[in-house]
C-alpha atoms as a PDB file:
ATOM      1  CA  MET A   1     -11.284   9.341 -31.671  1.00  0.00           C
ATOM      2  CA  ASN A   2     -11.371  10.296 -28.103  1.00  0.00           C
ATOM      3  CA  TYR A   3      -7.800   9.566 -26.371  1.00  0.00           C
ATOM      4  CA  THR A   4      -6.977   9.096 -22.759  1.00  0.00           C
ATOM      5  CA  LEU A   5      -3.663   9.831 -20.982  1.00  0.00           C
ATOM      6  CA  GLU A   6      -2.895   8.453 -17.680  1.00  0.00           C
ATOM      7  CA  VAL A   7      -0.269   8.856 -15.261  1.00  0.00           C
ATOM      8  CA  ILE A   8       1.302   7.779 -12.509  1.00  0.00           C
ATOM      9  CA  ALA A   9       1.366   9.885  -9.049  1.00  0.00           C
ATOM     10  CA  PHE A  10       3.738   8.185  -6.173  1.00  0.00           C
ATOM     11  CA  ASN A  11       3.631  11.290  -4.114  1.00  0.00           C
ATOM     12  CA  ILE A  12       1.154  13.981  -3.340  1.00  0.00           C
ATOM     13  CA  GLU A  13       3.033  16.470  -5.451  1.00  0.00           C
ATOM     14  CA  SER A  14       2.783  14.561  -8.575  1.00  0.00           C
ATOM     15  CA  VAL A  15      -1.311  14.225  -7.584  1.00  0.00           C
ATOM     16  CA  LEU A  16      -1.186  18.099  -8.037  1.00  0.00           C
ATOM     17  CA  ALA A  17       1.138  18.139 -10.977  1.00  0.00           C
ATOM     18  CA  ALA A  18      -1.507  15.488 -12.708  1.00  0.00           C
ATOM     19  CA  GLY A  19      -4.245  17.702 -12.685  1.00  0.00           C
ATOM     20  CA  THR A  20      -2.031  21.401 -13.553  1.00  0.00           C
ATOM     21  CA  ALA A  21      -0.956  19.379 -16.810  1.00  0.00           C
ATOM     22  CA  GLY A  22      -4.008  18.366 -17.831  1.00  0.00           C
ATOM     23  CA  ALA A  23      -3.730  14.068 -17.419  1.00  0.00           C
ATOM     24  CA  HIS A  24      -7.294  12.478 -17.397  1.00  0.00           C
ATOM     25  CA  ARG A  25      -6.451   9.749 -14.572  1.00  0.00           C
ATOM     26  CA  ILE A  26      -4.017   9.284 -12.447  1.00  0.00           C
ATOM     27  CA  GLU A  27      -2.613   5.440 -10.972  1.00  0.00           C
ATOM     28  CA  LEU A  28      -1.925   6.088  -7.044  1.00  0.00           C
ATOM     29  CA  CYS A  29       1.305   3.908  -5.973  1.00  0.00           C
ATOM     30  CA  ASP A  30       3.932   4.267  -3.565  1.00  0.00           C
ATOM     31  CA  ASN A  31       7.600   2.671  -3.341  1.00  0.00           C
ATOM     32  CA  PRO A  32       8.652   3.529  -7.508  1.00  0.00           C
ATOM     33  CA  ALA A  33      11.344   1.285  -6.961  1.00  0.00           C
ATOM     34  CA  GLU A  34       9.596  -1.899  -6.835  1.00  0.00           C
ATOM     35  CA  GLY A  35       7.059  -0.824  -9.406  1.00  0.00           C
ATOM     36  CA  GLY A  36       4.872   0.783  -7.492  1.00  0.00           C
ATOM     37  CA  THR A  37       2.581  -0.778  -4.370  1.00  0.00           C
ATOM     38  CA  THR A  38      -0.386   0.060  -2.644  1.00  0.00           C
ATOM     39  CA  ALA A  39      -0.137   3.995  -1.112  1.00  0.00           C
ATOM     40  CA  SER A  40      -1.375   4.158   2.740  1.00  0.00           C
ATOM     41  CA  TYR A  41      -4.825   5.408   3.625  1.00  0.00           C
ATOM     42  CA  GLY A  42      -3.433   8.561   4.702  1.00  0.00           C
ATOM     43  CA  MET A  43      -2.534   8.957   0.885  1.00  0.00           C
ATOM     44  CA  ILE A  44      -5.218   7.962  -0.646  1.00  0.00           C
ATOM     45  CA  LYS A  45      -7.097  10.008   1.248  1.00  0.00           C
ATOM     46  CA  THR A  46      -5.509  13.325   0.923  1.00  0.00           C
ATOM     47  CA  ALA A  47      -5.225  12.582  -2.899  1.00  0.00           C
ATOM     48  CA  ARG A  48      -9.216  11.997  -3.250  1.00  0.00           C
ATOM     49  CA  GLU A  49      -9.344  15.551  -1.443  1.00  0.00           C
ATOM     50  CA  LYS A  50      -6.609  17.373  -3.615  1.00  0.00           C
ATOM     51  CA  THR A  51      -8.136  16.123  -6.945  1.00  0.00           C
ATOM     52  CA  SER A  52     -11.038  15.749  -9.178  1.00  0.00           C
ATOM     53  CA  LEU A  53      -9.448  13.729 -11.437  1.00  0.00           C
ATOM     54  CA  GLN A  54      -9.836  10.078 -12.121  1.00  0.00           C
ATOM     55  CA  LEU A  55      -7.960   8.603  -9.443  1.00  0.00           C
ATOM     56  CA  PHE A  56      -7.283   4.520  -9.437  1.00  0.00           C
ATOM     57  CA  PRO A  57      -5.040   3.378  -6.626  1.00  0.00           C
ATOM     58  CA  ILE A  58      -2.952   0.466  -7.198  1.00  0.00           C
ATOM     59  CA  ILE A  59      -3.603  -2.958  -5.184  1.00  0.00           C
ATOM     60  CA  ARG A  60      -0.399  -4.387  -4.641  1.00  0.00           C
ATOM     61  CA  PRO A  61       0.645  -5.151  -0.915  1.00  0.00           C
ATOM     62  CA  ARG A  62       3.956  -5.683  -1.809  1.00  0.00           C
ATOM     63  CA  GLY A  63       6.594  -5.938  -4.676  1.00  0.00           C
ATOM     64  CA  GLY A  64       7.957  -8.681  -6.387  1.00  0.00           C
ATOM     65  CA  ASP A  65       5.892 -11.484  -8.042  1.00  0.00           C
ATOM     66  CA  PHE A  66       2.336 -11.263  -8.577  1.00  0.00           C
ATOM     67  CA  LEU A  67       1.203 -14.411  -6.835  1.00  0.00           C
ATOM     68  CA  TYR A  68      -0.262 -13.955  -3.588  1.00  0.00           C
ATOM     69  CA  SER A  69      -1.037 -15.623  -0.110  1.00  0.00           C
ATOM     70  CA  ASN A  70      -4.245 -15.922   1.192  1.00  0.00           C
ATOM     71  CA  ASP A  71      -3.333 -13.482   3.951  1.00  0.00           C
ATOM     72  CA  GLU A  72      -2.059 -11.030   1.120  1.00  0.00           C
ATOM     73  CA  PHE A  73      -5.146 -11.271  -0.631  1.00  0.00           C
ATOM     74  CA  GLU A  74      -7.077 -10.503   2.392  1.00  0.00           C
ATOM     75  CA  ILE A  75      -4.700  -7.521   2.596  1.00  0.00           C
ATOM     76  CA  MET A  76      -6.100  -6.648  -1.070  1.00  0.00           C
ATOM     77  CA  LYS A  77      -9.502  -7.310  -0.490  1.00  0.00           C
ATOM     78  CA  ARG A  78      -9.367  -4.379   2.609  1.00  0.00           C
ATOM     79  CA  ASP A  79      -7.403  -2.345   0.621  1.00  0.00           C
ATOM     80  CA  ILE A  80     -10.161  -2.174  -2.407  1.00  0.00           C
ATOM     81  CA  LEU A  81     -12.608  -1.250   0.220  1.00  0.00           C
ATOM     82  CA  LEU A  82     -10.943   1.665   1.615  1.00  0.00           C
ATOM     83  CA  CYS A  83     -10.886   2.707  -1.833  1.00  0.00           C
ATOM     84  CA  LYS A  84     -14.535   2.585  -2.127  1.00  0.00           C
ATOM     85  CA  GLU A  85     -14.898   4.641   1.577  1.00  0.00           C
ATOM     86  CA  THR A  86     -12.539   7.282   0.239  1.00  0.00           C
ATOM     87  CA  GLY A  87     -14.397   7.436  -3.181  1.00  0.00           C
ATOM     88  CA  CYS A  88     -12.148   6.590  -5.907  1.00  0.00           C
ATOM     89  CA  ASP A  89     -13.107   5.959  -9.028  1.00  0.00           C
ATOM     90  CA  GLY A  90     -10.954   2.417  -9.999  1.00  0.00           C
ATOM     91  CA  VAL A  91      -8.347   0.347  -8.473  1.00  0.00           C
ATOM     92  CA  VAL A  92      -5.664  -1.630 -10.261  1.00  0.00           C
ATOM     93  CA  ILE A  93      -4.552  -4.944  -9.849  1.00  0.00           C
ATOM     94  CA  GLY A  94      -2.815  -8.053 -11.227  1.00  0.00           C
ATOM     95  CA  LEU A  95      -2.895 -11.787  -9.975  1.00  0.00           C
ATOM     96  CA  LEU A  96      -1.334 -14.906 -11.452  1.00  0.00           C
ATOM     97  CA  GLN A  97      -1.291 -18.678 -10.883  1.00  0.00           C
ATOM     98  CA  PRO A  98       2.346 -20.208 -10.039  1.00  0.00           C
ATOM     99  CA  ASP A  99       2.381 -21.765 -14.279  1.00  0.00           C
ATOM    100  CA  GLY A 100       1.770 -17.934 -15.487  1.00  0.00           C
ATOM    101  CA  ASN A 101      -2.011 -17.884 -16.322  1.00  0.00           C
ATOM    102  CA  VAL A 102      -4.082 -15.194 -14.442  1.00  0.00           C
ATOM    103  CA  ASP A 103      -5.784 -16.298 -11.370  1.00  0.00           C
ATOM    104  CA  LYS A 104      -9.588 -16.084 -12.501  1.00  0.00           C
ATOM    105  CA  ILE A 105     -11.093 -16.876  -9.887  1.00  0.00           C
ATOM    106  CA  ARG A 106      -9.339 -14.096  -7.433  1.00  0.00           C
ATOM    107  CA  THR A 107      -9.596 -11.457 -10.025  1.00  0.00           C
ATOM    108  CA  ALA A 108     -13.325 -12.092 -10.523  1.00  0.00           C
ATOM    109  CA  GLN A 109     -13.825 -11.549  -6.532  1.00  0.00           C
ATOM    110  CA  LEU A 110     -11.628  -8.253  -6.603  1.00  0.00           C
ATOM    111  CA  VAL A 111     -13.623  -7.278  -9.485  1.00  0.00           C
ATOM    112  CA  GLU A 112     -16.761  -7.986  -7.445  1.00  0.00           C
ATOM    113  CA  ALA A 113     -15.134  -6.249  -4.191  1.00  0.00           C
ATOM    114  CA  ALA A 114     -14.557  -3.148  -5.795  1.00  0.00           C
ATOM    115  CA  TYR A 115     -18.164  -2.775  -7.558  1.00  0.00           C
ATOM    116  CA  PRO A 116     -19.268  -0.290  -8.823  1.00  0.00           C
ATOM    117  CA  LEU A 117     -15.206   1.111  -9.007  1.00  0.00           C
ATOM    118  CA  GLY A 118     -13.366   0.550 -12.397  1.00  0.00           C
ATOM    119  CA  VAL A 119     -10.845  -1.964 -12.758  1.00  0.00           C
ATOM    120  CA  THR A 120      -7.511  -1.924 -14.247  1.00  0.00           C
ATOM    121  CA  PHE A 121      -5.236  -5.459 -14.418  1.00  0.00           C
ATOM    122  CA  HIS A 122      -1.921  -4.339 -14.544  1.00  0.00           C
ATOM    123  CA  ARG A 123       1.630  -5.260 -15.806  1.00  0.00           C
ATOM    124  CA  ALA A 124       0.939  -8.353 -14.756  1.00  0.00           C
ATOM    125  CA  PHE A 125      -0.231  -9.176 -17.479  1.00  0.00           C
ATOM    126  CA  ASP A 126       2.857  -8.562 -18.853  1.00  0.00           C
ATOM    127  CA  ARG A 127       4.354 -12.081 -17.197  1.00  0.00           C
ATOM    128  CA  VAL A 128       1.536 -14.422 -18.914  1.00  0.00           C
ATOM    129  CA  SER A 129       2.651 -17.345 -20.598  1.00  0.00           C
ATOM    130  CA  ASN A 130      -0.085 -17.081 -22.810  1.00  0.00           C
ATOM    131  CA  PRO A 131      -1.149 -13.476 -23.788  1.00  0.00           C
ATOM    132  CA  PHE A 132      -4.100 -14.313 -25.568  1.00  0.00           C
ATOM    133  CA  GLU A 133      -5.577 -16.959 -23.296  1.00  0.00           C
ATOM    134  CA  ALA A 134      -4.627 -14.269 -20.644  1.00  0.00           C
ATOM    135  CA  LEU A 135      -6.636 -11.567 -22.731  1.00  0.00           C
ATOM    136  CA  GLU A 136      -9.976 -13.769 -22.144  1.00  0.00           C
ATOM    137  CA  ASP A 137      -9.379 -14.941 -18.669  1.00  0.00           C
ATOM    138  CA  VAL A 138      -9.465 -11.326 -17.911  1.00  0.00           C
ATOM    139  CA  ILE A 139     -12.239 -10.165 -19.868  1.00  0.00           C
ATOM    140  CA  ALA A 140     -14.007 -12.727 -18.291  1.00  0.00           C
ATOM    141  CA  SER A 141     -13.027 -11.731 -14.510  1.00  0.00           C
ATOM    142  CA  GLY A 142     -14.978  -7.958 -15.233  1.00  0.00           C
ATOM    143  CA  CYS A 143     -12.359  -5.901 -15.703  1.00  0.00           C
ATOM    144  CA  GLU A 144     -12.294  -2.800 -18.147  1.00  0.00           C
ATOM    145  CA  ARG A 145      -8.922  -2.371 -18.973  1.00  0.00           C
ATOM    146  CA  ILE A 146      -5.155  -3.840 -19.193  1.00  0.00           C
ATOM    147  CA  LEU A 147      -2.528  -2.213 -19.000  1.00  0.00           C
ATOM    148  CA  THR A 148       0.835  -3.768 -20.891  1.00  0.00           C
ATOM    149  CA  SER A 149       3.618  -3.639 -22.352  1.00  0.00           C
ATOM    150  CA  GLY A 150       3.380  -6.053 -25.154  1.00  0.00           C
ATOM    151  CA  LEU A 151       5.169  -8.465 -22.718  1.00  0.00           C
ATOM    152  CA  LYS A 152       8.421  -6.487 -23.247  1.00  0.00           C
ATOM    153  CA  PRO A 153      10.115  -4.123 -21.198  1.00  0.00           C
ATOM    154  CA  ALA A 154       8.736  -1.157 -22.926  1.00  0.00           C
ATOM    155  CA  ALA A 155       5.653  -0.152 -25.098  1.00  0.00           C
ATOM    156  CA  PRO A 156       7.456   0.361 -27.991  1.00  0.00           C
ATOM    157  CA  GLU A 157       9.379  -2.670 -28.239  1.00  0.00           C
ATOM    158  CA  GLY A 158       5.676  -4.202 -27.718  1.00  0.00           C
ATOM    159  CA  ILE A 159       3.938  -3.183 -30.505  1.00  0.00           C
ATOM    160  CA  PRO A 160       3.343  -5.709 -32.742  1.00  0.00           C
ATOM    161  CA  LEU A 161       1.592  -7.785 -29.832  1.00  0.00           C
ATOM    162  CA  ILE A 162      -0.288  -4.560 -28.586  1.00  0.00           C
ATOM    163  CA  ALA A 163      -1.652  -4.462 -31.601  1.00  0.00           C
ATOM    164  CA  ASP A 164      -2.622  -8.238 -31.712  1.00  0.00           C
ATOM    165  CA  LEU A 165      -4.262  -7.817 -28.516  1.00  0.00           C
ATOM    166  CA  VAL A 166      -6.665  -4.498 -29.566  1.00  0.00           C
ATOM    167  CA  ARG A 167      -7.530  -6.622 -32.495  1.00  0.00           C
ATOM    168  CA  GLN A 168      -8.566  -9.404 -30.413  1.00  0.00           C
ATOM    169  CA  ALA A 169     -10.379  -7.116 -28.058  1.00  0.00           C
ATOM    170  CA  ASN A 170     -12.435  -5.806 -30.225  1.00  0.00           C
ATOM    171  CA  ASP A 171     -13.915  -3.150 -27.836  1.00  0.00           C
ATOM    172  CA  ARG A 172     -14.901  -5.939 -25.388  1.00  0.00           C
ATOM    173  CA  ILE A 173     -11.772  -4.534 -23.105  1.00  0.00           C
ATOM    174  CA  ILE A 174      -9.253  -1.357 -23.258  1.00  0.00           C
ATOM    175  CA  ILE A 175      -5.794  -2.252 -23.973  1.00  0.00           C
ATOM    176  CA  MET A 176      -3.734   0.900 -22.622  1.00  0.00           C
ATOM    177  CA  PRO A 177      -0.104   0.583 -23.883  1.00  0.00           C
ATOM    178  CA  GLY A 178       2.350   1.477 -20.795  1.00  0.00           C
ATOM    179  CA  SER A 179       5.729   1.743 -20.122  1.00  0.00           C
ATOM    180  CA  GLY A 180       8.399   3.849 -21.875  1.00  0.00           C
ATOM    181  CA  VAL A 181       5.264   6.056 -23.264  1.00  0.00           C
ATOM    182  CA  ARG A 182       6.933   9.343 -23.808  1.00  0.00           C
ATOM    183  CA  SER A 183       6.018  12.131 -26.057  1.00  0.00           C
ATOM    184  CA  ASP A 184       8.401  11.205 -28.992  1.00  0.00           C
ATOM    185  CA  ASN A 185       6.646   7.647 -29.197  1.00  0.00           C
ATOM    186  CA  ILE A 186       3.039   8.060 -28.292  1.00  0.00           C
ATOM    187  CA  VAL A 187       1.869   9.267 -31.809  1.00  0.00           C
ATOM    188  CA  SER A 188       3.556   5.856 -33.184  1.00  0.00           C
ATOM    189  CA  LEU A 189       2.272   3.942 -30.652  1.00  0.00           C
ATOM    190  CA  ALA A 190      -1.764   5.514 -31.061  1.00  0.00           C
ATOM    191  CA  ARG A 191      -0.756   4.749 -34.875  1.00  0.00           C
ATOM    192  CA  GLN A 192       0.672   1.393 -34.859  1.00  0.00           C
ATOM    193  CA  THR A 193      -1.113   0.019 -32.364  1.00  0.00           C
ATOM    194  CA  GLN A 194      -4.676   1.436 -32.532  1.00  0.00           C
ATOM    195  CA  ALA A 195      -5.427   1.874 -29.043  1.00  0.00           C
ATOM    196  CA  THR A 196      -6.968   5.200 -27.294  1.00  0.00           C
ATOM    197  CA  GLU A 197      -5.600   4.907 -23.677  1.00  0.00           C
ATOM    198  CA  PHE A 198      -1.794   5.436 -22.662  1.00  0.00           C
ATOM    199  CA  HIS A 199       0.083   4.995 -19.912  1.00  0.00           C
ATOM    200  CA  SER A 200       3.000   6.903 -18.580  1.00  0.00           C
ATOM    201  CA  SER A 201       4.953   7.988 -15.481  1.00  0.00           C
ATOM    202  CA  ALA A 202       6.578  10.500 -17.069  1.00  0.00           C
ATOM    203  CA  ARG A 203       8.805  10.903 -14.064  1.00  0.00           C
ATOM    204  CA  LYS A 204      11.695  13.160 -13.466  1.00  0.00           C
ATOM    205  CA  THR A 205      13.839  13.330 -10.483  1.00  0.00           C
ATOM    206  CA  ILE A 206      14.004  15.643  -7.761  1.00  0.00           C
ATOM    207  CA  ALA A 207      17.229  16.293  -5.785  1.00  0.00           C
ATOM    208  CA  SER A 208      16.865  16.194  -1.762  1.00  0.00           C
ATOM    209  CA  ALA A 209      16.657  20.385  -0.131  1.00  0.00           C
ATOM    210  CA  MET A 210      18.247  19.039   3.166  1.00  0.00           C
ATOM    211  CA  GLN A 211      21.071  21.194   3.569  1.00  0.00           C
ATOM    212  CA  TYR A 212      22.784  18.365   5.501  1.00  0.00           C
ATOM    213  CA  THR A 213      23.305  15.007   4.090  1.00  0.00           C
ATOM    214  CA  ASN A 214      25.661  12.002   6.209  1.00  0.00           C
ATOM    215  CA  ASP A 215      28.245  11.051   3.452  1.00  0.00           C
ATOM    216  CA  GLY A 216      29.138   8.172   5.228  1.00  0.00           C
ATOM    217  CA  MET A 217      25.696   6.752   4.704  1.00  0.00           C
ATOM    218  CA  GLN A 218      26.429   6.653   1.129  1.00  0.00           C
ATOM    219  CA  GLU A 219      23.128   7.189   0.044  1.00  0.00           C
ATOM    220  CA  THR A 220      20.895   9.642  -2.542  1.00  0.00           C
ATOM    221  CA  LEU A 221      17.706  11.093  -1.494  1.00  0.00           C
ATOM    222  CA  ASP A 222      16.562  12.170  -4.564  1.00  0.00           C
ATOM    223  CA  THR A 223      12.784  11.759  -5.334  1.00  0.00           C
ATOM    224  CA  VAL A 224      10.487  11.048  -8.195  1.00  0.00           C
ATOM    225  CA  GLN A 225       8.378  13.655  -9.364  1.00  0.00           C
ATOM    226  CA  LEU A 226       5.283  13.724 -12.172  1.00  0.00           C
ATOM    227  CA  ASN A 227       7.240  16.264 -14.810  1.00  0.00           C
ATOM    228  CA  THR A 228       3.960  18.275 -15.842  1.00  0.00           C
ATOM    229  CA  GLU A 229       5.728  19.535 -19.360  1.00  0.00           C
ATOM    230  CA  GLU A 230       6.511  16.198 -20.485  1.00  0.00           C
ATOM    231  CA  VAL A 231       2.232  15.350 -19.850  1.00  0.00           C
ATOM    232  CA  LYS A 232       1.960  18.491 -21.669  1.00  0.00           C
ATOM    233  CA  LYS A 233       3.995  17.494 -24.378  1.00  0.00           C
ATOM    234  CA  MET A 234       2.414  13.999 -24.782  1.00  0.00           C
ATOM    235  CA  LEU A 235      -1.463  15.270 -24.948  1.00  0.00           C
ATOM    236  CA  GLU A 236      -0.508  17.900 -27.285  1.00  0.00           C
ATOM    237  CA  ALA A 237       1.324  15.174 -29.304  1.00  0.00           C
ATOM    238  CA  LEU A 238      -2.414  13.605 -29.163  1.00  0.00           C
ATOM    239  CA  GLN A 239      -4.308  16.423 -29.927  1.00  0.00           C
ATOM    240  CA  GLN A 240      -2.381  17.103 -33.120  1.00  0.00           C
ATOM    241  CA  TYR A 241      -2.429  13.754 -34.167  1.00  0.00           C
ATOM    242  CA  GLN A 242      -6.072  13.318 -34.003  1.00  0.00           C
ATOM    243  CA  GLN A 243      -6.724  16.309 -35.645  1.00  0.00           C
ATOM    244  CA  SER A 244      -4.726  15.582 -38.658  1.00  0.00           C
ATOM    245  CA  ALA A 245      -6.642  12.241 -38.685  1.00  0.00           C
ATOM    246  CA  GLU A 246     -10.144  14.160 -38.896  1.00  0.00           C
END
């Protein structure tokens, strides 16, 4: 059984760090405080030039909920076309209806717009009213995987539902646990859910290099960056678990 580890990159330093650490795929995002929004064209293009890893930019025009206006939907379609033009491997999307169901029609339209790129349905899934119906809707929409924490704040809390989703999916779509995935729990997640792909921010905080700061602003100018050592530990844990199971 081969395991895949996807990591989040919120800046170009993290893109480079993902390659150094040995991650398999990058979800490229901006705005960690908002849970991730679409990176700029310059960022996507530069990231594509700097890494050979699979690159999946998130297509999310703003923070907040996953109920989008017609204008926002047009933005998402145009951002997907830019990802195709820059040679990305896939995109990450998530659209809901007001009642908590998956927006099947527009999700399918974005999958069609992205073709032949791969498409992940992100943690908008964790806001659905019925996860088992939502799973079938996402499959019908043509996505290749679902990123989920099992409708809980972190994946370790959602293990029972994630395991149920893996069983229901029955290899028709990949169920990828994410949120709170770390080296000290990734093997437990693999064992209990039977998932084979995992998603982690593996983030650390980097202090600002500014020598001068205006104390009157009462702000912290730290940035988020990928922790290469944590990524390596997760990969090592999965490798050891795989070897022990063979």
